[in-house]
Protein backbone atom coordinates (compact mmCIF):
# COMPACT_ATOMS: atom_id res chain seq x y z
CA MET A 1 108.08 68.42 70.30
CA SER A 2 105.01 68.75 68.28
CA ASP A 3 105.10 70.57 64.67
CA SER A 4 102.72 73.26 65.94
CA PHE A 5 105.05 74.01 68.91
CA ALA A 6 108.12 74.18 66.44
CA GLU A 7 106.22 76.47 64.08
CA LEU A 8 105.29 78.99 66.76
CA ALA A 9 108.82 78.66 68.74
CA ASN A 10 110.53 79.20 65.64
CA ARG A 11 109.01 82.82 65.28
CA HIS A 12 110.39 83.82 68.69
CA CYS A 13 114.00 82.46 68.56
CA LYS A 14 116.30 84.44 71.44
CA PRO A 15 119.07 85.96 69.66
CA PRO A 16 122.55 84.98 70.44
CA GLY A 17 124.41 87.14 73.03
CA ILE A 18 121.63 88.25 75.03
CA ALA A 19 120.62 86.98 78.53
CA TYR A 20 117.46 87.59 80.07
CA GLN A 21 116.54 87.91 83.82
CA TYR A 22 113.16 88.17 85.34
CA GLY A 23 113.92 91.00 87.93
CA THR A 24 112.02 93.12 90.59
CA ALA A 25 109.97 94.45 87.74
CA GLY A 26 109.73 91.22 85.84
CA PHE A 27 111.39 91.44 82.36
CA ARG A 28 112.42 95.03 81.17
CA MET A 29 114.61 96.26 78.26
CA LYS A 30 114.55 97.81 74.90
CA ALA A 31 111.31 96.68 73.32
CA ASP A 32 112.94 95.59 70.28
CA LYS A 33 114.69 92.74 72.38
CA LEU A 34 111.65 91.55 73.94
CA ASP A 35 109.77 89.46 71.47
CA PRO A 36 111.27 85.92 72.51
CA VAL A 37 110.75 86.90 76.10
CA MET A 38 106.91 87.50 75.43
CA PHE A 39 106.66 84.28 73.72
CA THR A 40 108.11 82.38 76.78
CA VAL A 41 106.24 84.35 79.23
CA GLY A 42 102.96 83.25 77.51
CA ILE A 43 104.10 79.63 78.35
CA VAL A 44 104.95 80.19 81.82
CA ALA A 45 101.67 82.14 82.47
CA ALA A 46 99.74 79.34 81.20
CA LEU A 47 101.52 76.72 83.10
CA ARG A 48 101.35 78.70 86.33
CA SER A 49 97.48 78.52 85.95
CA LYS A 50 97.35 75.02 85.44
CA LYS A 51 99.49 74.55 88.31
CA LEU A 52 96.83 76.29 90.37
CA ASP A 53 94.00 74.51 89.12
CA GLY A 54 92.93 76.90 86.47
CA ARG A 55 92.98 80.09 88.37
CA ILE A 56 93.36 83.15 86.53
CA ILE A 57 97.03 84.68 86.09
CA GLY A 58 97.58 88.16 84.84
CA VAL A 59 100.22 89.43 82.45
CA MET A 60 100.95 93.08 82.21
CA VAL A 61 103.01 94.40 79.48
CA THR A 62 104.65 97.68 80.61
CA ALA A 63 107.91 99.49 81.39
CA SER A 64 106.14 101.76 83.76
CA HIS A 65 108.64 104.84 84.50
CA ASN A 66 111.15 103.92 81.67
CA PRO A 67 111.55 105.68 78.68
CA GLU A 68 109.11 105.00 75.70
CA GLU A 69 111.64 102.96 73.65
CA ASP A 70 111.70 100.28 76.66
CA ASN A 71 109.04 97.82 77.29
CA GLY A 72 108.61 94.92 79.74
CA VAL A 73 106.34 92.26 81.06
CA LYS A 74 105.50 90.88 84.44
CA LEU A 75 103.07 88.31 85.68
CA VAL A 76 100.56 88.64 88.23
CA ASP A 77 99.32 85.82 90.71
CA PRO A 78 95.65 84.98 91.70
CA ARG A 79 95.33 87.44 94.54
CA GLY A 80 96.61 90.14 92.25
CA GLU A 81 100.29 89.96 93.91
CA MET A 82 103.49 89.52 92.04
CA LEU A 83 104.67 86.14 90.69
CA GLU A 84 105.54 83.77 93.47
CA GLN A 85 109.37 84.33 93.82
CA SER A 86 110.24 80.61 93.12
CA TRP A 87 108.69 81.03 89.76
CA GLU A 88 110.96 83.65 88.67
CA ALA A 89 113.77 81.36 88.02
CA TYR A 90 111.62 79.17 85.76
CA ALA A 91 110.48 82.13 83.65
CA THR A 92 114.30 83.26 83.36
CA THR A 93 115.42 79.62 82.49
CA LEU A 94 112.71 79.51 79.51
CA ALA A 95 113.44 82.91 78.33
CA ASN A 96 117.02 81.98 77.81
CA ALA A 97 116.61 78.96 75.67
CA SER A 98 118.76 78.99 72.87
CA SER A 99 116.84 77.16 70.31
CA PRO A 100 113.01 75.45 69.90
CA GLU A 101 114.44 72.19 70.87
CA ASP A 102 116.11 73.78 73.79
CA LEU A 103 112.92 75.37 74.81
CA SER A 104 110.91 72.28 74.46
CA THR A 105 113.42 70.22 76.85
CA ARG A 106 113.31 73.25 79.50
CA ILE A 107 109.61 73.20 79.44
CA GLU A 108 109.38 69.24 80.15
CA GLN A 109 111.93 69.79 82.91
CA MET A 110 109.75 72.54 84.51
CA VAL A 111 106.48 70.41 84.07
CA SER A 112 108.30 67.57 85.84
CA ALA A 113 109.85 69.45 88.57
CA LEU A 114 106.75 71.24 89.53
CA HIS A 115 104.44 68.25 88.86
CA ILE A 116 102.13 70.36 86.53
CA ASP A 117 99.14 68.35 84.87
CA VAL A 118 99.33 69.78 81.49
CA SER A 119 95.87 68.54 80.62
CA LYS A 120 94.17 71.01 83.01
CA PRO A 121 92.77 73.99 81.68
CA ALA A 122 94.48 77.44 81.93
CA LYS A 123 93.14 81.02 82.33
CA VAL A 124 95.05 84.28 81.52
CA ILE A 125 94.28 87.87 81.20
CA TYR A 126 96.68 90.50 79.83
CA ALA A 127 96.81 94.23 79.25
CA ARG A 128 99.36 96.81 78.20
CA ASP A 129 100.18 100.56 78.87
CA THR A 130 100.17 103.05 75.95
CA ARG A 131 103.51 102.27 74.50
CA PRO A 132 103.77 101.82 70.66
CA SER A 133 105.70 98.71 70.97
CA GLY A 134 102.75 97.10 72.90
CA PRO A 135 100.50 95.54 70.34
CA GLU A 136 103.35 93.61 68.75
CA LEU A 137 104.46 92.23 71.96
CA VAL A 138 101.10 91.26 72.96
CA ALA A 139 100.98 89.22 69.79
CA SER A 140 104.09 87.33 70.69
CA LEU A 141 102.45 86.64 74.10
CA VAL A 142 99.41 85.18 72.38
CA ASP A 143 101.79 82.90 70.27
CA GLY A 144 103.30 81.56 73.55
CA LEU A 145 99.79 81.01 75.17
CA ASN A 146 98.73 78.95 72.21
CA ALA A 147 102.18 77.00 72.33
CA THR A 148 101.54 75.67 75.94
CA PRO A 149 101.79 72.13 76.40
CA GLY A 150 98.33 70.47 76.75
CA GLY A 151 96.54 73.29 75.15
CA SER A 152 93.31 74.13 77.06
CA VAL A 153 94.49 77.85 77.27
CA SER A 154 91.67 80.53 77.25
CA TYR A 155 92.83 84.06 77.54
CA THR A 156 91.16 87.60 77.42
CA ASP A 157 92.90 90.79 76.11
CA GLU A 158 91.80 93.48 78.53
CA GLY A 159 93.32 96.34 76.25
CA VAL A 160 94.80 99.28 77.51
CA LEU A 161 94.98 99.64 81.12
CA THR A 162 96.92 101.00 84.20
CA THR A 163 99.11 98.28 85.85
CA PRO A 164 97.00 98.52 89.19
CA ILE A 165 93.91 97.91 87.37
CA LEU A 166 94.92 94.68 86.08
CA HIS A 167 96.17 93.66 89.40
CA TYR A 168 92.41 94.56 90.67
CA LEU A 169 90.92 92.46 87.73
CA VAL A 170 92.85 89.52 88.54
CA ARG A 171 91.86 89.41 92.21
CA SER A 172 88.27 90.27 91.43
CA LYS A 173 88.03 87.58 89.13
CA ASN A 174 89.79 84.80 91.15
CA THR A 175 87.56 85.82 94.37
CA GLN A 176 84.16 86.30 92.51
CA GLY A 177 81.43 84.62 94.22
CA THR A 178 83.72 83.66 97.24
CA ALA A 179 83.71 85.08 100.99
CA GLU A 180 86.92 86.91 99.81
CA GLU A 181 85.20 88.67 96.86
CA TYR A 182 87.24 91.94 96.11
CA GLY A 183 84.98 93.93 93.70
CA VAL A 184 83.14 93.78 90.27
CA PRO A 185 85.67 92.05 87.89
CA THR A 186 85.52 95.04 85.40
CA PRO A 187 87.36 98.33 84.82
CA GLU A 188 84.01 100.05 85.51
CA GLY A 189 83.73 98.07 88.59
CA TYR A 190 87.22 99.44 89.72
CA TYR A 191 86.09 102.96 89.21
CA GLU A 192 82.88 102.57 91.06
CA LYS A 193 84.10 100.79 93.77
CA LEU A 194 86.90 103.59 94.82
CA SER A 195 84.88 106.44 93.77
CA ALA A 196 81.96 105.31 95.88
CA ALA A 197 84.44 104.86 98.96
CA PHE A 198 85.87 108.20 98.12
CA ILE A 199 82.50 110.14 98.20
CA LYS A 200 81.60 108.35 101.36
CA LEU A 201 84.87 109.68 103.11
CA ILE A 202 84.86 112.82 101.62
CA LYS A 203 81.16 113.88 102.15
CA PRO A 204 81.56 114.61 105.92
CA VAL A 205 84.17 117.09 105.29
CA GLY A 206 82.53 118.85 102.33
CA GLY A 207 84.83 117.69 99.47
CA ILE A 208 88.35 119.20 98.32
CA GLN A 209 88.57 122.97 97.66
CA GLY A 210 90.31 124.04 94.57
CA GLU A 211 91.82 122.04 91.68
CA LEU A 212 94.18 119.11 91.94
CA ILE A 213 96.68 119.59 88.99
CA VAL A 214 97.53 115.67 87.78
CA ASP A 215 100.63 115.10 85.73
CA CYS A 216 99.72 111.97 83.80
CA ALA A 217 103.22 111.45 82.14
CA ASN A 218 101.68 111.31 78.52
CA GLY A 219 100.60 107.78 79.80
CA VAL A 220 97.83 105.55 80.60
CA GLY A 221 97.01 107.27 83.78
CA PHE A 222 95.27 109.95 81.83
CA ILE A 223 92.61 107.63 80.71
CA ALA A 224 92.17 106.59 84.37
CA THR A 225 92.19 109.99 85.61
CA GLU A 226 89.41 111.23 83.01
CA ASN A 227 87.49 108.14 84.02
CA PHE A 228 87.57 108.96 87.68
CA ALA A 229 86.61 112.43 87.10
CA LYS A 230 83.31 111.11 85.65
CA HIS A 231 82.58 108.87 88.78
CA LEU A 232 83.49 111.61 91.63
CA ASN A 233 80.54 113.75 91.29
CA GLY A 234 82.52 117.08 91.58
CA TYR A 235 83.71 116.19 95.14
CA ILE A 236 87.37 116.81 93.83
CA ASN A 237 88.31 118.78 90.50
CA LEU A 238 90.88 116.93 88.67
CA VAL A 239 93.18 118.84 86.00
CA PRO A 240 94.97 116.45 83.96
CA VAL A 241 98.34 117.68 82.20
CA ASN A 242 100.60 115.89 79.90
CA THR A 243 97.87 113.90 78.24
CA SER A 244 99.25 113.10 75.03
CA ILE A 245 98.89 109.32 74.94
CA ASP A 246 98.91 109.02 71.25
CA LYS A 247 101.94 111.41 70.64
CA LEU A 248 105.21 109.54 69.89
CA GLY A 249 108.42 110.13 72.13
CA VAL A 250 106.63 111.94 75.01
CA LEU A 251 105.83 109.06 77.44
CA ASN A 252 107.66 109.93 80.88
CA LYS A 253 109.77 112.59 79.09
CA GLY A 254 110.57 115.57 81.21
CA CYS A 255 107.56 114.75 83.40
CA GLY A 256 106.04 112.21 85.46
CA ALA A 257 106.88 110.69 89.19
CA ASP A 258 110.35 109.44 88.24
CA PHE A 259 111.16 112.94 86.97
CA VAL A 260 109.94 114.77 90.01
CA LYS A 261 111.88 112.20 92.17
CA THR A 262 115.17 112.02 90.45
CA GLN A 263 115.42 115.54 89.42
CA GLN A 264 113.78 116.99 92.62
CA LYS A 265 111.99 119.62 90.61
CA ILE A 266 108.57 120.36 88.87
CA PRO A 267 108.25 119.15 85.57
CA PRO A 268 108.65 122.07 83.11
CA SER A 269 105.28 121.48 81.48
CA MET A 270 103.52 121.85 84.97
CA ALA A 271 105.02 125.18 85.79
CA SER A 272 102.56 127.41 84.03
CA HIS A 273 99.96 125.48 86.00
CA LEU A 274 100.90 125.63 89.68
CA LYS A 275 100.62 128.63 91.67
CA PRO A 276 102.17 129.30 95.31
CA ASN A 277 100.26 127.38 98.17
CA GLN A 278 98.93 125.00 95.42
CA ARG A 279 99.87 121.30 95.29
CA ALA A 280 99.88 118.84 92.33
CA CYS A 281 100.80 115.40 91.80
CA SER A 282 102.67 113.41 89.10
CA LEU A 283 101.83 109.93 87.99
CA ASP A 284 104.40 107.61 86.12
CA GLY A 285 103.89 105.72 82.53
CA ASP A 286 101.77 102.94 83.83
CA ALA A 287 99.91 104.76 87.06
CA ASP A 288 101.65 102.64 89.99
CA ARG A 289 103.88 105.49 91.24
CA LEU A 290 102.80 108.70 92.70
CA MET A 291 104.63 112.02 93.72
CA TYR A 292 103.28 114.82 95.53
CA TYR A 293 104.73 118.48 95.50
CA TYR A 294 103.51 122.04 96.15
CA LEU A 295 104.83 125.66 95.55
CA ASP A 296 105.23 127.30 99.00
CA HIS A 297 104.11 130.89 99.40
CA ASP A 298 107.48 132.12 98.00
CA GLY A 299 106.81 129.81 94.95
CA VAL A 300 109.67 127.49 96.03
CA PHE A 301 109.24 123.82 94.75
CA ARG A 302 108.79 121.38 97.78
CA MET A 303 108.65 117.50 97.09
CA LEU A 304 106.20 115.27 99.13
CA ASP A 305 107.48 111.66 98.22
CA GLY A 306 106.51 108.25 99.08
CA ASP A 307 108.22 108.64 102.51
CA LYS A 308 105.89 111.76 103.14
CA ILE A 309 102.82 109.77 101.87
CA ALA A 310 103.67 106.73 104.17
CA ALA A 311 104.03 109.20 107.40
CA LEU A 312 100.81 111.04 106.57
CA VAL A 313 98.54 107.89 106.04
CA ALA A 314 100.45 105.62 108.83
CA GLY A 315 99.65 108.47 111.45
CA PHE A 316 95.99 109.04 110.24
CA LEU A 317 95.50 105.24 110.32
CA GLY A 318 96.97 105.05 114.06
CA GLU A 319 94.71 107.88 115.23
CA LEU A 320 91.52 106.18 113.65
CA VAL A 321 92.36 103.00 115.40
CA GLN A 322 93.06 104.88 118.62
CA THR A 323 89.55 106.82 118.21
CA ALA A 324 87.72 103.59 117.56
CA GLY A 325 88.62 102.24 120.82
CA ILE A 326 90.27 99.29 119.36
CA PRO A 327 93.17 97.96 121.47
CA LYS A 328 96.76 98.49 119.65
CA GLN A 329 97.61 94.62 120.18
CA SER A 330 94.45 93.80 118.23
CA MET A 331 95.05 96.15 115.37
CA GLU A 332 98.81 97.09 114.90
CA VAL A 333 99.41 99.69 112.24
CA GLY A 334 103.25 98.90 110.78
CA VAL A 335 105.35 100.47 108.32
CA VAL A 336 107.60 99.06 105.85
CA GLN A 337 110.44 100.85 103.96
CA THR A 338 113.62 100.18 102.03
CA ALA A 339 117.11 101.62 102.35
CA TYR A 340 115.99 104.28 100.20
CA ALA A 341 113.66 105.83 102.68
CA ASN A 342 115.00 109.24 104.07
CA GLY A 343 116.46 108.83 107.50
CA ALA A 344 114.33 111.62 108.77
CA SER A 345 111.26 109.76 107.67
CA THR A 346 112.40 106.55 109.44
CA ASN A 347 113.06 108.36 112.55
CA TYR A 348 109.72 110.06 112.33
CA LEU A 349 107.77 107.05 111.93
CA SER A 350 109.84 104.82 114.51
CA GLN A 351 108.40 107.16 117.28
CA ARG A 352 105.08 106.23 116.33
CA VAL A 353 104.86 102.78 114.71
CA PRO A 354 106.85 99.81 114.35
CA VAL A 355 109.20 100.31 111.11
CA GLN A 356 110.84 97.48 109.17
CA CYS A 357 113.35 97.82 106.43
CA VAL A 358 113.46 95.35 103.59
CA PRO A 359 115.45 94.90 100.30
CA THR A 360 114.13 96.91 97.48
CA GLY A 361 111.14 95.49 95.31
CA VAL A 362 107.50 95.47 95.51
CA LYS A 363 107.60 91.47 96.45
CA HIS A 364 109.50 92.43 99.49
CA LEU A 365 107.33 95.19 100.89
CA HIS A 366 104.37 93.46 100.08
CA HIS A 367 105.18 90.28 101.76
CA ALA A 368 106.53 92.06 104.97
CA ALA A 369 103.47 94.39 105.17
CA GLU A 370 101.33 91.14 105.30
CA HIS A 371 102.53 90.50 108.76
CA TYR A 372 100.75 93.48 110.31
CA SER A 373 96.87 94.24 110.97
CA ILE A 374 97.43 97.18 109.01
CA GLY A 375 100.67 97.16 106.95
CA VAL A 376 101.83 100.55 105.18
CA TYR A 377 104.61 100.46 102.67
CA PHE A 378 105.73 103.02 100.40
CA GLU A 379 108.85 103.36 98.44
CA ALA A 380 110.56 106.74 98.41
CA ASN A 381 109.76 106.72 94.60
CA GLY A 382 106.10 106.65 95.45
CA HIS A 383 105.12 102.98 94.77
CA GLY A 384 102.94 101.68 97.60
CA THR A 385 99.89 100.65 99.15
CA ILE A 386 98.07 99.67 102.61
CA LEU A 387 97.23 95.98 103.27
CA PHE A 388 94.37 95.10 105.74
CA SER A 389 94.83 91.57 107.09
CA SER A 390 91.91 89.38 107.11
CA ASN A 391 91.79 89.61 111.08
CA ALA A 392 91.63 93.35 110.78
CA LEU A 393 88.83 93.07 108.30
CA LYS A 394 86.99 90.86 110.51
CA THR A 395 87.72 93.01 113.55
CA LEU A 396 86.36 96.02 111.95
CA LYS A 397 83.17 94.24 110.69
CA THR A 398 82.40 92.93 114.02
CA TYR A 399 83.60 95.49 116.48
CA GLU A 400 80.94 96.90 118.64
CA PRO A 401 81.77 100.80 119.41
CA ASN A 402 80.61 102.38 122.55
CA THR A 403 80.17 105.91 121.23
CA ALA A 404 79.29 107.80 118.06
CA THR A 405 82.62 108.94 117.81
CA GLN A 406 84.12 105.49 117.68
CA ARG A 407 81.50 104.31 115.32
CA THR A 408 82.65 107.23 112.86
CA ALA A 409 86.15 106.07 113.16
CA VAL A 410 85.12 102.27 112.31
CA ASN A 411 83.22 103.32 109.46
CA THR A 412 86.12 105.59 108.05
CA LEU A 413 88.70 102.65 108.34
CA LEU A 414 86.02 100.36 106.59
CA ALA A 415 85.42 102.75 103.61
CA LEU A 416 89.43 103.09 103.49
CA THR A 417 89.62 99.28 102.89
CA ASP A 418 87.53 100.08 99.74
CA LEU A 419 89.40 102.99 98.57
CA ILE A 420 92.78 101.60 98.72
CA ASN A 421 93.98 99.16 96.07
CA GLN A 422 95.32 96.39 98.20
CA THR A 423 96.69 94.36 95.27
CA VAL A 424 99.54 96.65 94.57
CA GLY A 425 100.91 100.38 94.44
CA ASP A 426 98.33 102.31 92.65
CA ALA A 427 98.96 105.88 91.89
CA LEU A 428 95.26 107.03 91.46
CA SER A 429 93.96 105.10 94.40
CA ASP A 430 96.99 106.58 96.63
CA MET A 431 96.18 109.94 95.25
CA LEU A 432 92.54 109.63 96.45
CA LEU A 433 93.81 108.29 99.77
CA VAL A 434 96.12 111.44 100.15
CA GLU A 435 93.33 113.94 99.42
CA VAL A 436 90.96 112.08 101.97
CA VAL A 437 93.58 112.52 104.74
CA LEU A 438 94.50 115.88 103.90
CA ALA A 439 90.93 116.97 104.07
CA HIS A 440 90.14 115.12 107.29
CA LYS A 441 93.25 116.73 108.72
CA GLY A 442 92.52 120.10 107.50
CA TYR A 443 96.16 120.14 106.06
CA LYS A 444 97.60 121.78 103.08
CA GLY A 445 100.84 121.05 101.40
CA ALA A 446 102.98 123.05 103.92
CA GLU A 447 101.17 121.42 106.91
CA TRP A 448 101.91 117.90 105.47
CA ASP A 449 105.38 118.84 104.72
CA SER A 450 106.25 120.02 108.32
CA LEU A 451 105.68 116.50 109.85
CA TYR A 452 109.44 116.27 109.37
CA THR A 453 112.13 117.67 107.38
CA ASP A 454 113.95 115.44 104.97
CA LEU A 455 117.70 115.09 105.28
CA PRO A 456 119.27 116.26 101.95
CA ASN A 457 119.94 113.34 99.82
CA ARG A 458 121.38 112.47 96.45
CA LEU A 459 120.79 109.43 94.10
CA VAL A 460 123.52 108.63 91.58
CA LYS A 461 123.43 105.83 88.68
CA VAL A 462 126.62 104.18 87.83
CA SER A 463 127.31 102.41 84.63
CA VAL A 464 129.02 99.14 85.12
CA LYS A 465 129.92 96.12 82.94
CA ASP A 466 128.50 93.61 85.46
CA ARG A 467 126.01 94.69 88.10
CA ASN A 468 125.96 91.01 89.37
CA ALA A 469 129.57 91.69 90.82
CA PHE A 470 127.89 93.85 93.65
CA LYS A 471 126.33 91.73 96.47
CA THR A 472 124.62 93.27 99.42
CA VAL A 473 122.97 91.93 102.80
CA ASP A 474 121.02 93.79 105.51
CA ALA A 475 118.26 94.86 103.22
CA GLU A 476 120.78 96.15 100.60
CA ARG A 477 122.32 98.40 103.09
CA ARG A 478 125.78 96.91 103.25
CA LEU A 479 127.97 95.47 100.45
CA VAL A 480 129.59 92.06 100.87
CA GLU A 481 131.25 92.28 97.47
CA PRO A 482 133.42 93.49 95.89
CA GLN A 483 135.33 92.57 99.17
CA GLY A 484 136.73 95.52 100.79
CA LEU A 485 134.49 98.31 99.34
CA GLN A 486 132.24 98.58 102.35
CA ALA A 487 134.79 99.29 104.76
CA ARG A 488 135.95 102.14 102.57
CA LEU A 489 132.38 103.28 102.35
CA ASP A 490 132.05 103.27 106.27
CA ASP A 491 135.34 105.39 106.64
CA LEU A 492 134.13 107.87 104.11
CA MET A 493 130.65 108.24 105.77
CA LYS A 494 132.37 109.03 109.19
CA MET A 495 133.65 112.28 107.47
CA TYR A 496 129.99 113.81 107.09
CA SER A 497 127.63 114.97 109.64
CA GLY A 498 124.53 112.65 109.33
CA GLY A 499 126.35 110.62 106.77
CA ARG A 500 124.61 107.61 105.12
CA ALA A 501 125.18 105.96 101.87
CA PHE A 502 124.65 102.56 100.36
CA VAL A 503 125.36 100.98 96.98
CA ARG A 504 123.08 98.45 95.46
CA PRO A 505 122.90 96.81 91.89
CA SER A 506 119.67 97.95 89.96
CA GLY A 507 117.17 95.21 89.50
CA THR A 508 116.05 96.54 85.97
CA GLU A 509 118.94 97.90 84.36
CA ASP A 510 123.04 97.51 84.03
CA VAL A 511 123.76 100.19 86.71
CA VAL A 512 124.56 100.21 90.30
CA ARG A 513 122.62 102.82 92.21
CA VAL A 514 124.22 105.07 94.87
CA TYR A 515 122.34 106.74 97.53
CA ALA A 516 123.62 109.09 99.96
CA GLU A 517 122.32 111.49 102.52
CA ALA A 518 123.95 114.29 105.01
CA ALA A 519 123.10 117.03 107.21
CA HIS A 520 123.73 119.55 104.31
CA LYS A 521 122.95 119.44 100.75
CA ALA A 522 126.54 120.22 99.50
CA GLU A 523 127.77 117.31 101.85
CA ALA A 524 125.16 114.88 100.57
CA ASP A 525 126.25 115.71 96.85
CA GLU A 526 129.68 115.19 97.91
CA LEU A 527 129.50 112.11 99.43
CA ALA A 528 127.13 110.58 96.67
CA PHE A 529 129.72 111.44 93.82
CA LYS A 530 132.79 110.29 95.95
CA VAL A 531 130.94 106.84 96.40
CA ALA A 532 129.90 106.88 92.85
CA GLY A 533 133.60 107.39 91.85
CA MET A 534 134.74 104.55 94.04
CA VAL A 535 132.11 102.30 92.47
CA TYR A 536 133.02 103.36 89.05
CA ASP A 537 136.94 102.85 89.86
CA GLN A 538 136.18 99.49 91.56
CA ALA A 539 134.02 98.32 88.50
CA GLY A 540 136.93 98.68 86.21
CA GLY A 541 135.64 101.82 84.39
CA ASP A 542 137.55 103.53 81.64
CA PRO A 543 139.31 106.42 82.92
CA MET A 544 139.00 108.40 79.70
CA THR A 545 135.01 108.32 80.15
CA ARG A 546 134.87 108.71 83.83
CA PRO A 547 131.80 111.29 84.54
CA SER A 548 133.47 114.59 85.51
CA GLU A 549 131.07 114.80 88.42
CA PHE A 550 132.45 111.58 89.92
CA LEU A 551 135.03 112.50 92.86
């Protein structure tokens, strides 16, 4: 262990009694506990780049939809995708080192096990959202980059960005000058690429009528929304709300995509902006989730979540492939969901396209979507995107249509490949995509909503001492531990018409999540709270602090 490494590592020692874990969204917790993690993540990012012969690795500092006092960090692999799963364990191992000496030993073991040539150069880019804890955490990250064995680490601070833009930059920088070149590797290149595709797609139908109100969650999505407005040449009138990015304590508070999904109501700050028969959308704190909603003619709030987006988009893509005259076996459109997908959406989609259910987490959805020619994945929470396989892109670029109608459909599909950010779920890209589909279909919110009727559902969080005591199988739809609990759930579900419920440990916080749906709202609520009560009791919850709504 060199003196320089020891000096840097001693600034960022892990406090005793804390266990860190790289979860579905990287590391995420209260910001004041993140300093030692940021240091070790810097080392992991640089070693990952060295292992991949100097390809650029991304680091995003964000806690997405979490409260402002939280923060987090995740690594982005060269194609803009999530960190390879096998490396998550190494990130966790380094983060839990008890001392600089222990950390040095763990790094040596990692380097040996992965056969990393530390003399190779490393390249890392990083960005953060608008959280006030960001700058200090970035400084800890830089210390980790500078402490990496072998040195030769170059890094670039990309400043304050949405998470999807950082993913775009990583892929664009790594593919620049190759046959797979993804785009101009700058934030401006991102805005220009997506805006040009949107205008190309929307021109034939004359633009978007009226205003689209965009709830920016008082986060970095406001910056992106403003930048898009400058590039879209009036083809859509974006009206940003909740734009206080410099005000403390308001990020994601009473607004944003997660508020809309979990509370199933309009953010109070949006109420004065939205009129009957008008639609709006909410982003989350780092602009990787999108929720739509509208007020019907009676002024009643109607939510259009990730399931509704998947149904709208998958149907449109399938129609385009058919109109283009491309055989279905040559370009299959498939949808990937998680257990949180509403049963009505699964039923609707299954009658039209192949549907696959995978465990919660972007990495699982993204990987499964790659197996289709056109893979559509959206979580009910509004995170998702569409992937076009290399074979699909080749087919679209070389296909010879027989009619003008077929040519138009092919050109529309090609433009969509530029509008969609295929690296990760991107709220702004998805918003523009939804607006294109609605314009082409001639839909307003009510027509979109009428594709199917959601089964009433309820999501409940249960605080537990040890979330890892709950283990699942079958894409997280069935419990295997604690033993016997799933059998009790099965018996309970039989008592409700259309009853479905599952229990899974959170990947980001010390809670267990309960999801339930049934034919009627009262039954869905009752089922959810009965299951929550069973989980609380099973986990040894204190009867004196048992939530009163748990049955």
